[in-house]
């Protein structure tokens, strides 16, 4: 015969049952909140994704570039080095599988425009361009001949900006360098006498002492060719110089045979 439950046991069972009901109710509320939060998160993701699409335009969709985006890719202006300095990180879009940094090509177009705008604030006689890297000699020579801007290639004569006693001493208002590392001697002179500096900077360059920079590949004849072609074209237009700028095919060897990377 089953033993009758005492009043105390009955009370304990009622309390346990009530606690169980309370736990179930709390769990149901938590599950309901979780579903609401999940929905809110998904909605926020969708909104954020749409905002990003509106704010960040893919490179290939950028309109009114100086040359077709395909030409920038053909010239490899977007390919940096495996080294990315803190100064240049903001211009890098991503890394390739082989470790090479890739510039944001649409941004390069904007910076070339800005560089040309800055360059046009100075007269040809008040600018010097220096390019020690052989890959840039052809483009720099054409740039110099068409604009009248004095160019120093192969070797920069030490002291020509800082030592007034030298026979070849010159006075200038802007120094334009193709690589802040290779052209570091003229950069140091410009900094010493507080001259503004325009520079083409690759991903491995530091930008200390640079007034205005044009980010891009400064190791390749193709890349330097398209940069100087565009700078020449824009400078000639802005200064209304009476010269005809040759097509890009005369700045870069075998241009018509080049194809953009896949």
C-alpha atoms as a PDB file:
ATOM      1  CA  UNK A   1       0.000   0.000   0.000  1.00  0.00           C
ATOM      2  CA  UNK A   2       1.405   3.374  -1.164  1.00  0.00           C
ATOM      3  CA  UNK A   3       2.435   5.686   1.540  1.00  0.00           C
ATOM      4  CA  UNK A   4       0.390   8.907   1.650  1.00  0.00           C
ATOM      5  CA  UNK A   5       2.326  12.075   0.890  1.00  0.00           C
ATOM      6  CA  UNK A   6       2.828  14.435   3.720  1.00  0.00           C
ATOM      7  CA  UNK A   7       1.857  18.089   3.506  1.00  0.00           C
ATOM      8  CA  UNK A   8       5.517  18.996   3.436  1.00  0.00           C
ATOM      9  CA  UNK A   9       6.207  16.747   0.420  1.00  0.00           C
ATOM     10  CA  UNK A  10       3.198  18.119  -1.429  1.00  0.00           C
ATOM     11  CA  UNK A  11       4.405  21.652  -0.870  1.00  0.00           C
ATOM     12  CA  UNK A  12       7.869  20.719  -2.165  1.00  0.00           C
ATOM     13  CA  UNK A  13       6.374  19.199  -5.308  1.00  0.00           C
ATOM     14  CA  UNK A  14       4.275  22.306  -5.935  1.00  0.00           C
ATOM     15  CA  UNK A  15       7.339  24.536  -5.529  1.00  0.00           C
ATOM     16  CA  UNK A  16       9.367  22.311  -7.888  1.00  0.00           C
ATOM     17  CA  UNK A  17       6.530  22.322 -10.438  1.00  0.00           C
ATOM     18  CA  UNK A  18       6.238  26.104 -10.220  1.00  0.00           C
ATOM     19  CA  UNK A  19      10.016  26.499 -10.641  1.00  0.00           C
ATOM     20  CA  UNK A  20       9.897  24.228 -13.670  1.00  0.00           C
ATOM     21  CA  UNK A  21       7.064  26.251 -15.198  1.00  0.00           C
ATOM     22  CA  UNK A  22       8.999  29.467 -14.533  1.00  0.00           C
ATOM     23  CA  UNK A  23      12.121  28.031 -16.211  1.00  0.00           C
ATOM     24  CA  UNK A  24      10.098  26.970 -19.241  1.00  0.00           C
ATOM     25  CA  UNK A  25       8.558  30.430 -19.488  1.00  0.00           C
ATOM     26  CA  UNK A  26      11.981  32.112 -19.213  1.00  0.00           C
ATOM     27  CA  UNK A  27      13.418  29.751 -21.814  1.00  0.00           C
ATOM     28  CA  UNK A  28      10.551  30.530 -24.187  1.00  0.00           C
ATOM     29  CA  UNK A  29      11.149  34.262 -23.721  1.00  0.00           C
ATOM     30  CA  UNK A  30      14.885  33.830 -24.342  1.00  0.00           C
ATOM     31  CA  UNK A  31      14.226  31.863 -27.523  1.00  0.00           C
ATOM     32  CA  UNK A  32      11.837  34.560 -28.693  1.00  0.00           C
ATOM     33  CA  UNK A  33      14.441  37.272 -27.994  1.00  0.00           C
ATOM     34  CA  UNK A  34      17.112  35.244 -29.781  1.00  0.00           C
ATOM     35  CA  UNK A  35      14.944  35.006 -32.903  1.00  0.00           C
ATOM     36  CA  UNK A  36      14.303  38.755 -32.829  1.00  0.00           C
ATOM     37  CA  UNK A  37      18.035  39.476 -32.419  1.00  0.00           C
ATOM     38  CA  UNK A  38      18.901  37.110 -35.243  1.00  0.00           C
ATOM     39  CA  UNK A  39      16.451  38.911 -37.499  1.00  0.00           C
ATOM     40  CA  UNK A  40      17.871  42.293 -36.502  1.00  0.00           C
ATOM     41  CA  UNK A  41      21.429  41.147 -37.179  1.00  0.00           C
ATOM     42  CA  UNK A  42      20.506  39.818 -40.619  1.00  0.00           C
ATOM     43  CA  UNK A  43      18.721  43.082 -41.396  1.00  0.00           C
ATOM     44  CA  UNK A  44      21.754  45.092 -40.236  1.00  0.00           C
ATOM     45  CA  UNK A  45      24.030  42.968 -42.422  1.00  0.00           C
ATOM     46  CA  UNK A  46      21.853  43.612 -45.433  1.00  0.00           C
ATOM     47  CA  UNK A  47      21.793  47.358 -44.739  1.00  0.00           C
ATOM     48  CA  UNK A  48      25.547  47.488 -44.183  1.00  0.00           C
ATOM     49  CA  UNK A  49      26.172  45.516 -47.365  1.00  0.00           C
ATOM     50  CA  UNK A  50      24.003  47.903 -49.370  1.00  0.00           C
ATOM     51  CA  UNK A  51      25.720  50.933 -47.799  1.00  0.00           C
ATOM     52  CA  UNK A  52      29.128  49.549 -48.735  1.00  0.00           C
ATOM     53  CA  UNK A  53      28.020  48.912 -52.295  1.00  0.00           C
ATOM     54  CA  UNK A  54      26.873  52.510 -52.545  1.00  0.00           C
ATOM     55  CA  UNK A  55      30.011  54.004 -50.997  1.00  0.00           C
ATOM     56  CA  UNK A  56      32.709  51.758 -52.473  1.00  0.00           C
ATOM     57  CA  UNK A  57      32.532  51.586 -56.228  1.00  0.00           C
ATOM     58  CA  UNK A  58      34.404  48.670 -57.823  1.00  0.00           C
ATOM     59  CA  UNK A  59      37.471  49.790 -59.788  1.00  0.00           C
ATOM     60  CA  UNK A  60      36.071  48.615 -63.101  1.00  0.00           C
ATOM     61  CA  UNK A  61      32.957  50.750 -62.580  1.00  0.00           C
ATOM     62  CA  UNK A  62      34.828  54.053 -62.109  1.00  0.00           C
ATOM     63  CA  UNK A  63      33.811  56.477 -64.809  1.00  0.00           C
ATOM     64  CA  UNK A  64      35.731  59.205 -66.638  1.00  0.00           C
ATOM     65  CA  UNK A  65      39.215  57.832 -65.995  1.00  0.00           C
ATOM     66  CA  UNK A  66      42.110  59.513 -67.788  1.00  0.00           C
ATOM     67  CA  UNK A  67      42.598  56.359 -69.858  1.00  0.00           C
ATOM     68  CA  UNK A  68      40.499  53.181 -69.946  1.00  0.00           C
ATOM     69  CA  UNK A  69      41.038  51.082 -66.814  1.00  0.00           C
ATOM     70  CA  UNK A  70      42.322  48.324 -69.092  1.00  0.00           C
ATOM     71  CA  UNK A  71      45.247  50.584 -70.099  1.00  0.00           C
ATOM     72  CA  UNK A  72      46.266  51.029 -66.465  1.00  0.00           C
ATOM     73  CA  UNK A  73      46.286  47.265 -66.052  1.00  0.00           C
ATOM     74  CA  UNK A  74      48.261  46.763 -69.289  1.00  0.00           C
ATOM     75  CA  UNK A  75      50.896  49.159 -67.976  1.00  0.00           C
ATOM     76  CA  UNK A  76      51.079  47.327 -64.601  1.00  0.00           C
ATOM     77  CA  UNK A  77      50.751  50.631 -62.749  1.00  0.00           C
ATOM     78  CA  UNK A  78      48.735  48.774 -60.100  1.00  0.00           C
ATOM     79  CA  UNK A  79      51.430  46.239 -59.182  1.00  0.00           C
ATOM     80  CA  UNK A  80      53.512  47.152 -56.149  1.00  0.00           C
ATOM     81  CA  UNK A  81      56.207  45.200 -54.329  1.00  0.00           C
ATOM     82  CA  UNK A  82      56.086  42.545 -51.620  1.00  0.00           C
ATOM     83  CA  UNK A  83      56.993  45.236 -49.092  1.00  0.00           C
ATOM     84  CA  UNK A  84      54.346  47.670 -47.853  1.00  0.00           C
ATOM     85  CA  UNK A  85      55.516  50.577 -45.704  1.00  0.00           C
ATOM     86  CA  UNK A  86      53.155  52.135 -43.142  1.00  0.00           C
ATOM     87  CA  UNK A  87      53.159  55.307 -45.288  1.00  0.00           C
ATOM     88  CA  UNK A  88      51.801  53.480 -48.347  1.00  0.00           C
ATOM     89  CA  UNK A  89      49.393  51.004 -46.748  1.00  0.00           C
ATOM     90  CA  UNK A  90      46.349  53.206 -47.336  1.00  0.00           C
ATOM     91  CA  UNK A  91      46.853  53.049 -51.105  1.00  0.00           C
ATOM     92  CA  UNK A  92      46.970  49.240 -51.241  1.00  0.00           C
ATOM     93  CA  UNK A  93      43.848  47.319 -52.244  1.00  0.00           C
ATOM     94  CA  UNK A  94      45.023  43.742 -51.542  1.00  0.00           C
ATOM     95  CA  UNK A  95      47.870  41.252 -51.951  1.00  0.00           C
ATOM     96  CA  UNK A  96      48.129  38.751 -54.783  1.00  0.00           C
ATOM     97  CA  UNK A  97      48.752  35.055 -54.163  1.00  0.00           C
ATOM     98  CA  UNK A  98      52.453  35.614 -54.953  1.00  0.00           C
ATOM     99  CA  UNK A  99      52.705  38.280 -52.243  1.00  0.00           C
ATOM    100  CA  UNK A 100      52.810  41.344 -54.512  1.00  0.00           C
ATOM    101  CA  UNK A 101      50.787  44.286 -53.246  1.00  0.00           C
ATOM    102  CA  UNK A 102      48.081  45.609 -55.542  1.00  0.00           C
ATOM    103  CA  UNK A 103      47.247  49.307 -55.633  1.00  0.00           C
ATOM    104  CA  UNK A 104      43.682  50.568 -55.857  1.00  0.00           C
ATOM    105  CA  UNK A 105      43.719  51.475 -59.564  1.00  0.00           C
ATOM    106  CA  UNK A 106      40.758  53.831 -59.370  1.00  0.00           C
ATOM    107  CA  UNK A 107      42.572  55.748 -56.624  1.00  0.00           C
ATOM    108  CA  UNK A 108      45.721  55.967 -58.776  1.00  0.00           C
ATOM    109  CA  UNK A 109      43.723  57.741 -61.468  1.00  0.00           C
ATOM    110  CA  UNK A 110      42.608  60.342 -58.918  1.00  0.00           C
ATOM    111  CA  UNK A 111      46.151  60.809 -57.591  1.00  0.00           C
ATOM    112  CA  UNK A 112      47.617  61.308 -61.081  1.00  0.00           C
ATOM    113  CA  UNK A 113      45.048  64.049 -61.652  1.00  0.00           C
ATOM    114  CA  UNK A 114      45.974  65.640 -58.320  1.00  0.00           C
ATOM    115  CA  UNK A 115      49.689  65.339 -59.098  1.00  0.00           C
ATOM    116  CA  UNK A 116      49.219  67.066 -62.456  1.00  0.00           C
ATOM    117  CA  UNK A 117      47.152  69.790 -60.815  1.00  0.00           C
ATOM    118  CA  UNK A 118      49.939  70.411 -58.295  1.00  0.00           C
ATOM    119  CA  UNK A 119      52.621  70.309 -60.996  1.00  0.00           C
ATOM    120  CA  UNK A 120      50.743  72.894 -63.053  1.00  0.00           C
ATOM    121  CA  UNK A 121      51.091  75.436 -60.246  1.00  0.00           C
ATOM    122  CA  UNK A 122      54.757  75.808 -61.278  1.00  0.00           C
ATOM    123  CA  UNK A 123      56.344  77.072 -64.479  1.00  0.00           C
ATOM    124  CA  UNK A 124      58.608  74.689 -66.452  1.00  0.00           C
ATOM    125  CA  UNK A 125      61.705  76.747 -65.630  1.00  0.00           C
ATOM    126  CA  UNK A 126      61.006  76.361 -61.914  1.00  0.00           C
ATOM    127  CA  UNK A 127      60.827  72.546 -61.852  1.00  0.00           C
ATOM    128  CA  UNK A 128      63.435  69.807 -62.054  1.00  0.00           C
ATOM    129  CA  UNK A 129      62.666  66.100 -62.454  1.00  0.00           C
ATOM    130  CA  UNK A 130      65.144  63.459 -61.310  1.00  0.00           C
ATOM    131  CA  UNK A 131      65.086  59.787 -62.307  1.00  0.00           C
ATOM    132  CA  UNK A 132      68.012  57.517 -61.524  1.00  0.00           C
ATOM    133  CA  UNK A 133      66.140  54.332 -62.516  1.00  0.00           C
ATOM    134  CA  UNK A 134      66.875  53.350 -66.124  1.00  0.00           C
ATOM    135  CA  UNK A 135      63.323  52.077 -66.635  1.00  0.00           C
ATOM    136  CA  UNK A 136      62.115  55.683 -66.483  1.00  0.00           C
ATOM    137  CA  UNK A 137      64.684  57.380 -68.724  1.00  0.00           C
ATOM    138  CA  UNK A 138      62.700  57.209 -71.966  1.00  0.00           C
ATOM    139  CA  UNK A 139      59.501  58.574 -70.418  1.00  0.00           C
ATOM    140  CA  UNK A 140      61.301  61.274 -68.415  1.00  0.00           C
ATOM    141  CA  UNK A 141      63.227  62.405 -71.515  1.00  0.00           C
ATOM    142  CA  UNK A 142      59.981  62.782 -73.505  1.00  0.00           C
ATOM    143  CA  UNK A 143      58.318  64.538 -70.569  1.00  0.00           C
ATOM    144  CA  UNK A 144      61.233  66.983 -70.344  1.00  0.00           C
ATOM    145  CA  UNK A 145      61.383  67.699 -74.081  1.00  0.00           C
ATOM    146  CA  UNK A 146      57.626  68.316 -74.366  1.00  0.00           C
ATOM    147  CA  UNK A 147      57.160  70.430 -71.226  1.00  0.00           C
ATOM    148  CA  UNK A 148      60.480  72.244 -71.042  1.00  0.00           C
ATOM    149  CA  UNK A 149      61.075  70.929 -67.499  1.00  0.00           C
ATOM    150  CA  UNK A 150      64.739  70.247 -66.787  1.00  0.00           C
ATOM    151  CA  UNK A 151      65.536  66.555 -66.234  1.00  0.00           C
ATOM    152  CA  UNK A 152      68.419  64.783 -64.517  1.00  0.00           C
ATOM    153  CA  UNK A 153      68.797  61.097 -65.349  1.00  0.00           C
ATOM    154  CA  UNK A 154      71.405  58.481 -64.531  1.00  0.00           C
ATOM    155  CA  UNK A 155      73.072  60.701 -61.925  1.00  0.00           C
ATOM    156  CA  UNK A 156      72.005  63.731 -59.941  1.00  0.00           C
ATOM    157  CA  UNK A 157      74.921  66.213 -59.641  1.00  0.00           C
ATOM    158  CA  UNK A 158      75.462  66.572 -55.894  1.00  0.00           C
ATOM    159  CA  UNK A 159      75.053  70.038 -54.429  1.00  0.00           C
ATOM    160  CA  UNK A 160      73.557  71.785 -57.456  1.00  0.00           C
ATOM    161  CA  UNK A 161      70.596  72.902 -55.343  1.00  0.00           C
ATOM    162  CA  UNK A 162      72.461  73.689 -52.131  1.00  0.00           C
ATOM    163  CA  UNK A 163      75.883  75.054 -53.055  1.00  0.00           C
ATOM    164  CA  UNK A 164      75.694  78.468 -54.727  1.00  0.00           C
ATOM    165  CA  UNK A 165      79.467  78.394 -55.383  1.00  0.00           C
ATOM    166  CA  UNK A 166      79.142  75.582 -57.924  1.00  0.00           C
ATOM    167  CA  UNK A 167      79.217  76.526 -61.611  1.00  0.00           C
ATOM    168  CA  UNK A 168      76.176  74.324 -62.256  1.00  0.00           C
ATOM    169  CA  UNK A 169      74.191  75.659 -59.280  1.00  0.00           C
ATOM    170  CA  UNK A 170      70.504  76.121 -60.073  1.00  0.00           C
ATOM    171  CA  UNK A 171      67.546  77.602 -58.303  1.00  0.00           C
ATOM    172  CA  UNK A 172      64.224  75.835 -58.532  1.00  0.00           C
ATOM    173  CA  UNK A 173      60.852  75.886 -56.821  1.00  0.00           C
ATOM    174  CA  UNK A 174      59.780  72.231 -57.150  1.00  0.00           C
ATOM    175  CA  UNK A 175      61.655  68.934 -57.179  1.00  0.00           C
ATOM    176  CA  UNK A 176      59.992  65.950 -58.849  1.00  0.00           C
ATOM    177  CA  UNK A 177      61.474  62.514 -58.065  1.00  0.00           C
ATOM    178  CA  UNK A 178      60.589  59.085 -59.465  1.00  0.00           C
ATOM    179  CA  UNK A 179      61.648  57.063 -56.416  1.00  0.00           C
ATOM    180  CA  UNK A 180      62.278  58.410 -52.927  1.00  0.00           C
ATOM    181  CA  UNK A 181      64.917  55.701 -52.349  1.00  0.00           C
ATOM    182  CA  UNK A 182      66.958  55.792 -55.565  1.00  0.00           C
ATOM    183  CA  UNK A 183      66.635  59.572 -55.781  1.00  0.00           C
ATOM    184  CA  UNK A 184      67.318  60.050 -52.077  1.00  0.00           C
ATOM    185  CA  UNK A 185      70.223  62.471 -52.629  1.00  0.00           C
ATOM    186  CA  UNK A 186      68.143  65.098 -54.381  1.00  0.00           C
ATOM    187  CA  UNK A 187      65.325  64.451 -51.903  1.00  0.00           C
ATOM    188  CA  UNK A 188      67.709  65.150 -49.021  1.00  0.00           C
ATOM    189  CA  UNK A 189      68.864  68.381 -50.671  1.00  0.00           C
ATOM    190  CA  UNK A 190      65.277  69.482 -51.264  1.00  0.00           C
ATOM    191  CA  UNK A 191      64.357  68.806 -47.640  1.00  0.00           C
ATOM    192  CA  UNK A 192      67.461  70.652 -46.427  1.00  0.00           C
ATOM    193  CA  UNK A 193      66.519  73.860 -48.260  1.00  0.00           C
ATOM    194  CA  UNK A 194      62.774  73.357 -47.699  1.00  0.00           C
ATOM    195  CA  UNK A 195      61.720  72.865 -51.317  1.00  0.00           C
ATOM    196  CA  UNK A 196      58.387  71.181 -52.062  1.00  0.00           C
ATOM    197  CA  UNK A 197      58.684  67.683 -53.510  1.00  0.00           C
ATOM    198  CA  UNK A 198      56.410  65.753 -55.861  1.00  0.00           C
ATOM    199  CA  UNK A 199      57.191  62.034 -55.912  1.00  0.00           C
ATOM    200  CA  UNK A 200      56.053  58.781 -57.483  1.00  0.00           C
ATOM    201  CA  UNK A 201      55.901  56.295 -54.613  1.00  0.00           C
ATOM    202  CA  UNK A 202      55.707  52.504 -54.770  1.00  0.00           C
ATOM    203  CA  UNK A 203      54.461  50.347 -51.892  1.00  0.00           C
ATOM    204  CA  UNK A 204      58.004  50.049 -50.473  1.00  0.00           C
ATOM    205  CA  UNK A 205      58.677  53.804 -50.352  1.00  0.00           C
ATOM    206  CA  UNK A 206      58.660  56.088 -47.332  1.00  0.00           C
ATOM    207  CA  UNK A 207      57.099  59.509 -47.808  1.00  0.00           C
ATOM    208  CA  UNK A 208      58.937  61.691 -45.303  1.00  0.00           C
ATOM    209  CA  UNK A 209      59.588  65.111 -46.849  1.00  0.00           C
ATOM    210  CA  UNK A 210      57.120  64.565 -49.704  1.00  0.00           C
ATOM    211  CA  UNK A 211      54.653  67.385 -50.358  1.00  0.00           C
ATOM    212  CA  UNK A 212      52.511  65.591 -52.935  1.00  0.00           C
ATOM    213  CA  UNK A 213      52.751  61.966 -54.008  1.00  0.00           C
ATOM    214  CA  UNK A 214      51.532  59.855 -56.888  1.00  0.00           C
ATOM    215  CA  UNK A 215      51.209  56.237 -55.758  1.00  0.00           C
ATOM    216  CA  UNK A 216      52.037  53.561 -58.315  1.00  0.00           C
ATOM    217  CA  UNK A 217      54.584  51.125 -59.689  1.00  0.00           C
ATOM    218  CA  UNK A 218      57.837  53.085 -60.131  1.00  0.00           C
ATOM    219  CA  UNK A 219      59.979  50.091 -61.131  1.00  0.00           C
ATOM    220  CA  UNK A 220      58.498  49.374 -64.575  1.00  0.00           C
ATOM    221  CA  UNK A 221      59.087  51.207 -67.871  1.00  0.00           C
ATOM    222  CA  UNK A 222      55.432  50.552 -68.765  1.00  0.00           C
ATOM    223  CA  UNK A 223      54.119  52.029 -65.549  1.00  0.00           C
ATOM    224  CA  UNK A 224      56.419  55.045 -65.574  1.00  0.00           C
ATOM    225  CA  UNK A 225      55.569  55.477 -69.244  1.00  0.00           C
ATOM    226  CA  UNK A 226      51.841  55.813 -68.642  1.00  0.00           C
ATOM    227  CA  UNK A 227      52.340  58.064 -65.596  1.00  0.00           C
ATOM    228  CA  UNK A 228      54.574  60.512 -67.493  1.00  0.00           C
ATOM    229  CA  UNK A 229      52.368  60.335 -70.583  1.00  0.00           C
ATOM    230  CA  UNK A 230      49.361  61.411 -68.524  1.00  0.00           C
ATOM    231  CA  UNK A 231      51.263  64.039 -66.534  1.00  0.00           C
ATOM    232  CA  UNK A 232      52.617  65.519 -69.771  1.00  0.00           C
ATOM    233  CA  UNK A 233      49.191  65.562 -71.389  1.00  0.00           C
ATOM    234  CA  UNK A 234      47.556  67.232 -68.390  1.00  0.00           C
ATOM    235  CA  UNK A 235      50.410  69.707 -67.826  1.00  0.00           C
ATOM    236  CA  UNK A 236      50.402  70.769 -71.476  1.00  0.00           C
ATOM    237  CA  UNK A 237      46.621  71.294 -71.332  1.00  0.00           C
ATOM    238  CA  UNK A 238      46.677  73.237 -68.077  1.00  0.00           C
ATOM    239  CA  UNK A 239      49.634  75.444 -69.072  1.00  0.00           C
ATOM    240  CA  UNK A 240      48.303  75.801 -72.643  1.00  0.00           C
ATOM    241  CA  UNK A 241      51.664  74.857 -74.135  1.00  0.00           C
ATOM    242  CA  UNK A 242      51.844  74.806 -77.928  1.00  0.00           C
ATOM    243  CA  UNK A 243      53.018  71.193 -78.266  1.00  0.00           C
ATOM    244  CA  UNK A 244      51.489  67.946 -79.491  1.00  0.00           C
ATOM    245  CA  UNK A 245      51.770  65.058 -77.041  1.00  0.00           C
ATOM    246  CA  UNK A 246      52.510  61.779 -78.871  1.00  0.00           C
ATOM    247  CA  UNK A 247      50.121  58.847 -78.286  1.00  0.00           C
ATOM    248  CA  UNK A 248      50.846  56.391 -75.512  1.00  0.00           C
ATOM    249  CA  UNK A 249      52.212  53.871 -78.034  1.00  0.00           C
ATOM    250  CA  UNK A 250      55.285  56.121 -78.440  1.00  0.00           C
ATOM    251  CA  UNK A 251      55.910  56.211 -74.700  1.00  0.00           C
ATOM    252  CA  UNK A 252      55.753  52.475 -74.067  1.00  0.00           C
ATOM    253  CA  UNK A 253      57.503  49.896 -76.244  1.00  0.00           C
ATOM    254  CA  UNK A 254      55.220  47.301 -77.877  1.00  0.00           C
ATOM    255  CA  UNK A 255      52.144  48.968 -76.380  1.00  0.00           C
ATOM    256  CA  UNK A 256      49.767  47.489 -78.955  1.00  0.00           C
ATOM    257  CA  UNK A 257      50.922  43.962 -78.140  1.00  0.00           C
ATOM    258  CA  UNK A 258      50.423  44.305 -74.392  1.00  0.00           C
ATOM    259  CA  UNK A 259      47.406  42.665 -72.783  1.00  0.00           C
ATOM    260  CA  UNK A 260      45.989  43.304 -69.306  1.00  0.00           C
ATOM    261  CA  UNK A 261      46.598  40.538 -66.737  1.00  0.00           C
ATOM    262  CA  UNK A 262      43.750  38.121 -66.098  1.00  0.00           C
END
